[in-house]
Amino acid sequence: MPDPDGVSDLDRNRALEQWLEYQLRQVRARIRDLERAEEQDRWRRERARIEQIWKLQPQRAGTPAMLHRGGCGLYKTELGYLNREEAIIALAEPDIEPCEVCRPETGLQNG
């Protein structure tokens, strides 16, 4: 039934529905943006953490033990990460060499 301005209750509710759907799309887009930003922040924190740890590749037949930065892809491990002090000690050992790719000694010189 139309009211004095000529718009029916049904038309008003349809318009309201469209507006609410628009608002919901906006909120969902904002949530996606915030989730993406949160994931990127989490990734940045993890990368920073990885750059503050080191890993020791064990000696193998014919190859010396090698010290790597935590993020170096040449040696993968989920075990045995070293902190800064342990990495300094390891690098001072004559039978442990620094990785020539990730250059772990550069992270140990300052500080």
C-alpha atoms as a PDB file:
ATOM      1  CA  MET A   1       0.000   0.000   0.000  1.00  0.00           C
ATOM      2  CA  PRO A   2       1.510   3.328  -1.068  1.00  0.00           C
ATOM      3  CA  ASP A   3       1.878   6.072   1.480  1.00  0.00           C
ATOM      4  CA  PRO A   4       1.309   9.791   0.777  1.00  0.00           C
ATOM      5  CA  ASP A   5       4.591  10.178  -1.106  1.00  0.00           C
ATOM      6  CA  GLY A   6       3.675   7.317  -3.476  1.00  0.00           C
ATOM      7  CA  VAL A   7       6.245   4.724  -2.306  1.00  0.00           C
ATOM      8  CA  SER A   8       4.863   1.413  -1.154  1.00  0.00           C
ATOM      9  CA  ASP A   9       6.055  -0.342   1.980  1.00  0.00           C
ATOM     10  CA  LEU A  10       7.336  -3.170  -0.215  1.00  0.00           C
ATOM     11  CA  ASP A  11       9.422  -0.764  -2.338  1.00  0.00           C
ATOM     12  CA  ARG A  12      10.842   0.848   0.813  1.00  0.00           C
ATOM     13  CA  ASN A  13      11.885  -2.533   2.164  1.00  0.00           C
ATOM     14  CA  ARG A  14      13.432  -3.542  -1.146  1.00  0.00           C
ATOM     15  CA  ALA A  15      15.443  -0.315  -1.147  1.00  0.00           C
ATOM     16  CA  LEU A  16      16.475  -0.965   2.453  1.00  0.00           C
ATOM     17  CA  GLU A  17      17.501  -4.497   1.504  1.00  0.00           C
ATOM     18  CA  GLN A  18      19.681  -3.190  -1.341  1.00  0.00           C
ATOM     19  CA  TRP A  19      21.275  -0.635   0.973  1.00  0.00           C
ATOM     20  CA  LEU A  20      21.995  -3.259   3.629  1.00  0.00           C
ATOM     21  CA  GLU A  21      23.479  -5.623   1.022  1.00  0.00           C
ATOM     22  CA  TYR A  22      25.704  -2.769  -0.146  1.00  0.00           C
ATOM     23  CA  GLN A  23      26.788  -2.102   3.439  1.00  0.00           C
ATOM     24  CA  LEU A  24      27.484  -5.805   4.002  1.00  0.00           C
ATOM     25  CA  ARG A  25      29.666  -5.929   0.857  1.00  0.00           C
ATOM     26  CA  GLN A  26      31.588  -2.910   2.134  1.00  0.00           C
ATOM     27  CA  VAL A  27      32.121  -4.489   5.561  1.00  0.00           C
ATOM     28  CA  ARG A  28      33.204  -7.799   4.050  1.00  0.00           C
ATOM     29  CA  ALA A  29      35.686  -6.019   1.771  1.00  0.00           C
ATOM     30  CA  ARG A  30      37.086  -4.132   4.770  1.00  0.00           C
ATOM     31  CA  ILE A  31      37.417  -7.408   6.714  1.00  0.00           C
ATOM     32  CA  ARG A  32      39.323  -8.956   3.780  1.00  0.00           C
ATOM     33  CA  ASP A  33      41.641  -5.927   3.670  1.00  0.00           C
ATOM     34  CA  LEU A  34      42.261  -6.125   7.420  1.00  0.00           C
ATOM     35  CA  GLU A  35      42.897  -9.880   7.266  1.00  0.00           C
ATOM     36  CA  ARG A  36      45.369  -9.360   4.403  1.00  0.00           C
ATOM     37  CA  ALA A  37      47.156  -6.603   6.348  1.00  0.00           C
ATOM     38  CA  GLU A  38      47.274  -8.776   9.463  1.00  0.00           C
ATOM     39  CA  GLU A  39      48.733 -11.686   7.489  1.00  0.00           C
ATOM     40  CA  GLN A  40      51.370  -9.421   5.936  1.00  0.00           C
ATOM     41  CA  ASP A  41      52.266  -8.088   9.390  1.00  0.00           C
ATOM     42  CA  ARG A  42      52.527 -11.632  10.735  1.00  0.00           C
ATOM     43  CA  TRP A  43      54.780 -12.560   7.787  1.00  0.00           C
ATOM     44  CA  ARG A  44      57.020  -9.502   8.401  1.00  0.00           C
ATOM     45  CA  ARG A  45      57.360 -10.374  12.109  1.00  0.00           C
ATOM     46  CA  GLU A  46      58.247 -13.976  11.223  1.00  0.00           C
ATOM     47  CA  ARG A  47      60.868 -12.836   8.677  1.00  0.00           C
ATOM     48  CA  ALA A  48      62.387 -10.485  11.272  1.00  0.00           C
ATOM     49  CA  ARG A  49      62.492 -13.331  13.802  1.00  0.00           C
ATOM     50  CA  ILE A  50      64.120 -15.672  11.288  1.00  0.00           C
ATOM     51  CA  GLU A  51      66.793 -13.085  10.525  1.00  0.00           C
ATOM     52  CA  GLN A  52      67.691 -13.060  14.234  1.00  0.00           C
ATOM     53  CA  ILE A  53      68.423 -16.794  14.371  1.00  0.00           C
ATOM     54  CA  TRP A  54      71.016 -19.001  12.764  1.00  0.00           C
ATOM     55  CA  LYS A  55      71.237 -22.679  11.882  1.00  0.00           C
ATOM     56  CA  LEU A  56      74.149 -25.063  11.706  1.00  0.00           C
ATOM     57  CA  GLN A  57      74.426 -27.509   8.827  1.00  0.00           C
ATOM     58  CA  PRO A  58      76.256 -30.592  10.088  1.00  0.00           C
ATOM     59  CA  GLN A  59      79.527 -31.698   8.554  1.00  0.00           C
ATOM     60  CA  ARG A  60      79.097 -34.303   5.829  1.00  0.00           C
ATOM     61  CA  ALA A  61      81.679 -36.460   4.104  1.00  0.00           C
ATOM     62  CA  GLY A  62      83.977 -34.071   2.292  1.00  0.00           C
ATOM     63  CA  THR A  63      82.133 -30.886   3.311  1.00  0.00           C
ATOM     64  CA  PRO A  64      82.664 -28.771   6.404  1.00  0.00           C
ATOM     65  CA  ALA A  65      79.935 -27.811   8.846  1.00  0.00           C
ATOM     66  CA  MET A  66      78.315 -24.569   7.734  1.00  0.00           C
ATOM     67  CA  LEU A  67      76.604 -21.725   9.543  1.00  0.00           C
ATOM     68  CA  HIS A  68      73.522 -20.225   7.860  1.00  0.00           C
ATOM     69  CA  ARG A  69      71.103 -17.416   8.631  1.00  0.00           C
ATOM     70  CA  GLY A  70      67.705 -18.671   9.746  1.00  0.00           C
ATOM     71  CA  GLY A  71      66.099 -17.732   6.430  1.00  0.00           C
ATOM     72  CA  CYS A  72      68.728 -19.287   4.159  1.00  0.00           C
ATOM     73  CA  GLY A  73      67.142 -21.736   1.751  1.00  0.00           C
ATOM     74  CA  LEU A  74      70.321 -23.728   1.075  1.00  0.00           C
ATOM     75  CA  TYR A  75      69.871 -25.713   4.274  1.00  0.00           C
ATOM     76  CA  LYS A  76      66.419 -26.556   5.595  1.00  0.00           C
ATOM     77  CA  THR A  77      65.874 -27.641   9.187  1.00  0.00           C
ATOM     78  CA  GLU A  78      63.180 -27.417  11.788  1.00  0.00           C
ATOM     79  CA  LEU A  79      65.578 -28.257  14.590  1.00  0.00           C
ATOM     80  CA  GLY A  80      68.578 -26.759  16.281  1.00  0.00           C
ATOM     81  CA  TYR A  81      68.370 -23.044  15.711  1.00  0.00           C
ATOM     82  CA  LEU A  82      71.097 -20.976  17.339  1.00  0.00           C
ATOM     83  CA  ASN A  83      70.822 -17.618  19.043  1.00  0.00           C
ATOM     84  CA  ARG A  84      73.303 -14.809  18.361  1.00  0.00           C
ATOM     85  CA  GLU A  85      75.793 -15.799  21.057  1.00  0.00           C
ATOM     86  CA  GLU A  86      75.800 -19.452  19.964  1.00  0.00           C
ATOM     87  CA  ALA A  87      76.286 -18.418  16.338  1.00  0.00           C
ATOM     88  CA  ILE A  88      79.286 -16.245  17.273  1.00  0.00           C
ATOM     89  CA  ILE A  89      80.824 -19.200  19.112  1.00  0.00           C
ATOM     90  CA  ALA A  90      80.102 -21.551  16.182  1.00  0.00           C
ATOM     91  CA  LEU A  91      81.633 -19.163  13.666  1.00  0.00           C
ATOM     92  CA  ALA A  92      84.821 -18.968  15.761  1.00  0.00           C
ATOM     93  CA  GLU A  93      85.282 -22.735  15.442  1.00  0.00           C
ATOM     94  CA  PRO A  94      87.891 -23.676  12.818  1.00  0.00           C
ATOM     95  CA  ASP A  95      85.803 -26.478  11.318  1.00  0.00           C
ATOM     96  CA  ILE A  96      82.656 -24.364  10.750  1.00  0.00           C
ATOM     97  CA  GLU A  97      82.436 -22.117   7.710  1.00  0.00           C
ATOM     98  CA  PRO A  98      79.925 -19.350   6.978  1.00  0.00           C
ATOM     99  CA  CYS A  99      77.529 -19.884   4.085  1.00  0.00           C
ATOM    100  CA  GLU A 100      78.735 -17.894   1.078  1.00  0.00           C
ATOM    101  CA  VAL A 101      75.175 -17.175  -0.030  1.00  0.00           C
ATOM    102  CA  CYS A 102      73.429 -15.888   3.118  1.00  0.00           C
ATOM    103  CA  ARG A 103      76.645 -14.592   4.778  1.00  0.00           C
ATOM    104  CA  PRO A 104      75.624 -15.174   8.400  1.00  0.00           C
ATOM    105  CA  GLU A 105      78.643 -13.319   9.722  1.00  0.00           C
ATOM    106  CA  THR A 106      77.159  -9.987   8.606  1.00  0.00           C
ATOM    107  CA  GLY A 107      74.394 -10.372  11.169  1.00  0.00           C
ATOM    108  CA  LEU A 108      76.910 -11.117  13.883  1.00  0.00           C
ATOM    109  CA  GLN A 109      79.319  -8.210  13.429  1.00  0.00           C
ATOM    110  CA  ASN A 110      77.082  -5.458  14.816  1.00  0.00           C
ATOM    111  CA  GLY A 111      75.915  -5.401  18.350  1.00  0.00           C
END
